[in-house]
Amino acid sequence: MKTLEHATSVDKYAIKEYLFPKEEIYFSREEKDEIMIKLKVATIIGNLEKIKCKIIFQDIVGIKIVETTIWATCEKNIVLKSGILIPIRRIIDIII
């Protein structure tokens, strides 16, 4: 996956300092639906089994990757430990 090769690994606690553009990164409804399914699965296994996933996302600087547990998937954001939010509109992929 080309996106993964260009992603910078980051610490989840640094995410609260990142700025996210308002635009969605999805080209189609199917892409967004696929991300939502992956987010829901990752949230369930994270809460039940304490399994971490890799979240690939894009802020204003570039593509980032973080390995962590998703605590909640809401309408517009995912919630990580310590209330750290990543906007769903900026998530490229989830690797479970």
C-alpha atoms as a PDB file:
ATOM      1  CA  MET A   1       0.000   0.000   0.000  1.00  0.00           C
ATOM      2  CA  LYS A   2       1.621   3.220  -1.194  1.00  0.00           C
ATOM      3  CA  THR A   3      -0.065   5.364   1.494  1.00  0.00           C
ATOM      4  CA  LEU A   4       1.401   3.248   4.283  1.00  0.00           C
ATOM      5  CA  GLU A   5       4.907   3.648   2.835  1.00  0.00           C
ATOM      6  CA  HIS A   6       4.590   7.437   2.999  1.00  0.00           C
ATOM      7  CA  ALA A   7       3.055   7.608   6.482  1.00  0.00           C
ATOM      8  CA  THR A   8       4.972   9.054   9.413  1.00  0.00           C
ATOM      9  CA  SER A   9       4.607   7.062  12.634  1.00  0.00           C
ATOM     10  CA  VAL A  10       3.379   9.257  15.496  1.00  0.00           C
ATOM     11  CA  ASP A  11       2.644   9.031  19.198  1.00  0.00           C
ATOM     12  CA  LYS A  12      -1.068   9.140  19.982  1.00  0.00           C
ATOM     13  CA  TYR A  13      -0.580  11.918  22.551  1.00  0.00           C
ATOM     14  CA  ALA A  14       0.848  14.215  19.853  1.00  0.00           C
ATOM     15  CA  ILE A  15      -2.390  14.003  17.830  1.00  0.00           C
ATOM     16  CA  LYS A  16      -4.155  16.558  20.024  1.00  0.00           C
ATOM     17  CA  GLU A  17      -1.765  19.203  18.620  1.00  0.00           C
ATOM     18  CA  TYR A  18      -2.484  18.422  14.954  1.00  0.00           C
ATOM     19  CA  LEU A  19      -4.667  20.563  12.708  1.00  0.00           C
ATOM     20  CA  PHE A  20      -7.123  18.861  10.376  1.00  0.00           C
ATOM     21  CA  PRO A  21      -8.567  20.381   7.186  1.00  0.00           C
ATOM     22  CA  LYS A  22     -12.363  20.558   6.918  1.00  0.00           C
ATOM     23  CA  GLU A  23     -12.447  18.635   3.622  1.00  0.00           C
ATOM     24  CA  GLU A  24     -13.144  14.907   3.444  1.00  0.00           C
ATOM     25  CA  ILE A  25     -10.513  12.740   1.806  1.00  0.00           C
ATOM     26  CA  TYR A  26     -12.982  10.217   0.355  1.00  0.00           C
ATOM     27  CA  PHE A  27     -13.659  10.035  -3.351  1.00  0.00           C
ATOM     28  CA  SER A  28     -16.816   7.941  -3.071  1.00  0.00           C
ATOM     29  CA  ARG A  29     -19.561   6.948  -0.655  1.00  0.00           C
ATOM     30  CA  GLU A  30     -18.305   3.350  -0.837  1.00  0.00           C
ATOM     31  CA  GLU A  31     -14.878   4.398   0.505  1.00  0.00           C
ATOM     32  CA  LYS A  32     -16.478   6.204   3.429  1.00  0.00           C
ATOM     33  CA  ASP A  33     -18.786   3.248   4.148  1.00  0.00           C
ATOM     34  CA  GLU A  34     -15.799   0.874   4.143  1.00  0.00           C
ATOM     35  CA  ILE A  35     -13.911   3.075   6.627  1.00  0.00           C
ATOM     36  CA  MET A  36     -16.977   3.234   8.893  1.00  0.00           C
ATOM     37  CA  ILE A  37     -17.249  -0.572   8.949  1.00  0.00           C
ATOM     38  CA  LYS A  38     -13.539  -0.929   9.762  1.00  0.00           C
ATOM     39  CA  LEU A  39     -13.847   1.704  12.524  1.00  0.00           C
ATOM     40  CA  LYS A  40     -16.781  -0.075  14.144  1.00  0.00           C
ATOM     41  CA  VAL A  41     -14.978  -3.438  14.059  1.00  0.00           C
ATOM     42  CA  ALA A  42     -11.761  -1.883  15.427  1.00  0.00           C
ATOM     43  CA  THR A  43     -13.726  -0.190  18.223  1.00  0.00           C
ATOM     44  CA  ILE A  44     -15.436  -3.436  19.237  1.00  0.00           C
ATOM     45  CA  ILE A  45     -12.276  -5.543  19.287  1.00  0.00           C
ATOM     46  CA  GLY A  46     -10.366  -2.745  20.981  1.00  0.00           C
ATOM     47  CA  ASN A  47     -12.875  -2.545  23.809  1.00  0.00           C
ATOM     48  CA  LEU A  48     -13.516  -6.284  24.185  1.00  0.00           C
ATOM     49  CA  GLU A  49     -10.107  -7.764  23.443  1.00  0.00           C
ATOM     50  CA  LYS A  50      -7.804  -4.743  23.982  1.00  0.00           C
ATOM     51  CA  ILE A  51      -6.435  -5.240  20.464  1.00  0.00           C
ATOM     52  CA  LYS A  52      -4.715  -2.253  18.880  1.00  0.00           C
ATOM     53  CA  CYS A  53      -5.172  -1.210  15.277  1.00  0.00           C
ATOM     54  CA  LYS A  54      -3.202   1.039  12.949  1.00  0.00           C
ATOM     55  CA  ILE A  55      -4.961   4.241  11.953  1.00  0.00           C
ATOM     56  CA  ILE A  56      -3.703   6.000   8.834  1.00  0.00           C
ATOM     57  CA  PHE A  57      -4.856   9.601   8.659  1.00  0.00           C
ATOM     58  CA  GLN A  58      -3.925  12.941   7.137  1.00  0.00           C
ATOM     59  CA  ASP A  59      -3.545  16.288   8.886  1.00  0.00           C
ATOM     60  CA  ILE A  60      -2.471  19.583   7.287  1.00  0.00           C
ATOM     61  CA  VAL A  61       1.172  18.460   7.163  1.00  0.00           C
ATOM     62  CA  GLY A  62       0.882  14.956   5.720  1.00  0.00           C
ATOM     63  CA  ILE A  63      -0.004  11.321   6.189  1.00  0.00           C
ATOM     64  CA  LYS A  64       0.456   9.852   9.658  1.00  0.00           C
ATOM     65  CA  ILE A  65       0.047   6.419  11.232  1.00  0.00           C
ATOM     66  CA  VAL A  66      -0.628   5.585  14.857  1.00  0.00           C
ATOM     67  CA  GLU A  67      -1.054   2.211  16.539  1.00  0.00           C
ATOM     68  CA  THR A  68      -3.597   2.389  19.333  1.00  0.00           C
ATOM     69  CA  THR A  69      -6.965   1.248  20.619  1.00  0.00           C
ATOM     70  CA  ILE A  70     -10.087   3.070  19.448  1.00  0.00           C
ATOM     71  CA  TRP A  71     -12.278   3.742  22.481  1.00  0.00           C
ATOM     72  CA  ALA A  72     -15.305   5.025  20.575  1.00  0.00           C
ATOM     73  CA  THR A  73     -16.516   5.759  17.071  1.00  0.00           C
ATOM     74  CA  CYS A  74     -18.887   8.716  16.964  1.00  0.00           C
ATOM     75  CA  GLU A  75     -20.640  10.452  14.085  1.00  0.00           C
ATOM     76  CA  LYS A  76     -17.735  12.754  13.159  1.00  0.00           C
ATOM     77  CA  ASN A  77     -14.726  11.582  15.195  1.00  0.00           C
ATOM     78  CA  ILE A  78     -13.047   8.591  16.716  1.00  0.00           C
ATOM     79  CA  VAL A  79     -11.995   8.793  20.345  1.00  0.00           C
ATOM     80  CA  LEU A  80      -8.665   7.484  21.584  1.00  0.00           C
ATOM     81  CA  LYS A  81      -7.258   7.336  25.120  1.00  0.00           C
ATOM     82  CA  SER A  82      -7.345  10.630  27.068  1.00  0.00           C
ATOM     83  CA  GLY A  83     -10.145  11.980  24.868  1.00  0.00           C
ATOM     84  CA  ILE A  84      -7.896  12.407  21.829  1.00  0.00           C
ATOM     85  CA  LEU A  85      -9.982  12.870  18.676  1.00  0.00           C
ATOM     86  CA  ILE A  86      -9.302  12.127  15.031  1.00  0.00           C
ATOM     87  CA  PRO A  87     -11.894  13.373  12.527  1.00  0.00           C
ATOM     88  CA  ILE A  88     -13.329  10.482  10.510  1.00  0.00           C
ATOM     89  CA  ARG A  89     -13.239  12.684   7.399  1.00  0.00           C
ATOM     90  CA  ARG A  90      -9.411  12.563   7.562  1.00  0.00           C
ATOM     91  CA  ILE A  91      -8.945   8.817   8.103  1.00  0.00           C
ATOM     92  CA  ILE A  92      -7.433   7.050   5.104  1.00  0.00           C
ATOM     93  CA  ASP A  93      -7.470   3.463   6.369  1.00  0.00           C
ATOM     94  CA  ILE A  94      -7.667   1.206   9.403  1.00  0.00           C
ATOM     95  CA  ILE A  95      -5.471  -1.887   9.666  1.00  0.00           C
ATOM     96  CA  ILE A  96      -6.773  -4.401  12.168  1.00  0.00           C
END
